[in-house]
Protein backbone atom coordinates (compact mmCIF):
# COMPACT_ATOMS: atom_id res chain seq x y z
CA MET A 1 75.83 47.27 100.27
CA LYS A 2 72.69 45.58 101.57
CA ILE A 3 70.13 44.07 99.26
CA ASN A 4 66.52 44.96 99.97
CA PRO A 5 64.55 42.01 101.45
CA PHE A 6 61.90 42.65 98.81
CA PHE A 7 64.47 41.74 96.17
CA ASN A 8 65.63 38.67 98.13
CA ALA A 9 62.07 37.34 98.14
CA LEU A 10 61.68 38.30 94.48
CA GLY A 11 64.91 36.43 93.69
CA ALA A 12 63.54 33.34 95.43
CA LEU A 13 60.37 33.61 93.39
CA ALA A 14 62.33 34.07 90.16
CA TYR A 15 64.44 31.00 90.94
CA ILE A 16 61.35 28.88 91.58
CA LEU A 17 59.73 30.07 88.35
CA LEU A 18 62.93 29.33 86.43
CA VAL A 19 63.17 25.77 87.79
CA VAL A 20 59.48 25.09 87.13
CA GLY A 21 59.80 26.53 83.63
CA ILE A 22 62.79 24.36 82.80
CA ILE A 23 61.16 21.21 84.19
CA SER A 24 57.93 21.96 82.30
CA ALA A 25 59.83 22.54 79.06
CA LEU A 26 61.70 19.25 79.40
CA GLN A 27 58.61 17.17 80.11
CA SER A 28 57.11 15.11 77.36
CA PRO A 29 54.16 12.73 77.64
CA ASN A 30 56.07 9.75 76.20
CA THR A 31 59.14 9.92 78.42
CA PRO A 32 60.57 6.46 79.16
CA ASP A 33 61.52 5.37 82.66
CA LYS A 34 64.99 6.71 83.56
CA GLY A 35 65.66 4.23 86.37
CA ILE A 36 67.93 5.66 89.05
CA LEU A 37 68.70 8.90 87.20
CA ALA A 38 65.36 10.57 87.97
CA PRO A 39 65.65 10.21 91.77
CA VAL A 40 69.30 11.31 91.67
CA PHE A 41 68.33 14.37 89.63
CA LEU A 42 65.43 15.26 91.93
CA LEU A 43 67.52 14.93 95.08
CA SER A 44 70.30 17.00 93.49
CA LEU A 45 67.78 19.65 92.46
CA PHE A 46 66.41 19.71 96.02
CA VAL A 47 69.89 20.23 97.49
CA LEU A 48 70.66 22.97 94.96
CA SER A 49 67.34 24.66 95.68
CA ALA A 50 67.94 24.52 99.43
CA ALA A 51 71.34 26.14 98.96
CA VAL A 52 69.95 28.92 96.76
CA MET A 53 67.05 29.59 99.14
CA ALA A 54 69.38 29.58 102.15
CA PHE A 55 71.54 32.19 100.45
CA LEU A 56 68.57 34.36 99.47
CA PHE A 57 66.89 34.17 102.86
CA PHE A 58 69.79 33.98 105.34
CA TYR A 59 72.97 35.57 103.94
CA GLN A 60 72.16 39.21 104.69
CA PRO A 61 70.52 38.54 108.09
CA PHE A 62 73.50 36.44 109.21
CA LYS A 63 75.87 39.14 108.04
CA LEU A 64 73.92 41.74 110.00
CA TYR A 65 73.73 39.46 113.04
CA PHE A 66 77.47 38.88 113.14
CA ASP A 67 78.07 42.61 112.66
CA ASN A 68 76.20 42.95 115.98
CA ASN A 69 72.98 44.30 114.44
CA LYS A 70 70.76 41.57 115.90
CA LYS A 71 67.46 43.45 115.79
CA GLU A 72 68.06 44.67 112.23
CA ALA A 73 68.96 41.09 111.20
CA PHE A 74 65.69 39.75 112.62
CA VAL A 75 63.62 42.51 110.97
CA TYR A 76 65.39 41.95 107.63
CA PHE A 77 64.73 38.20 107.74
CA MET A 78 61.08 38.68 108.69
CA LYS A 79 60.58 41.20 105.88
CA THR A 80 62.04 38.75 103.36
CA VAL A 81 59.76 35.97 104.62
CA GLY A 82 56.80 38.36 104.66
CA TYR A 83 57.34 39.50 101.09
CA PHE A 84 57.72 35.90 99.96
CA ALA A 85 54.51 34.95 101.81
CA CYS A 86 52.73 37.74 99.89
CA TYR A 87 54.02 36.32 96.59
CA VAL A 88 52.79 32.85 97.56
CA ALA A 89 49.38 34.29 98.52
CA ILE A 90 49.13 36.10 95.17
CA PHE A 91 49.98 32.90 93.27
CA PHE A 92 47.44 30.97 95.35
CA ALA A 93 44.76 33.59 94.61
CA VAL A 94 45.53 33.43 90.89
CA LEU A 95 45.42 29.63 91.02
CA LEU A 96 42.01 29.72 92.71
CA TYR A 97 40.76 32.30 90.22
CA LEU A 98 41.88 30.22 87.21
CA ALA A 99 40.56 26.92 88.60
């Protein structure tokens, strides 16, 4: 069963919101310096985020591509990117409106 590219982009957005929410909740103004732990955590979070985004954006298109549906794979990937670009544009518009 194929997942709709709309839901792939929505999943990417949900993941980003979850990570930002967790980081915001853990922040406190009087946080002491953590030395090497902060860079290790940030690099680890970046790698994890790249893996999650790669799965959400590329898994279905690669599957389609290797099932010899090259055109459908390209269209699916572009739809996912397009939907995600729309989400980013909406967030940017809201940010400009609230600023």
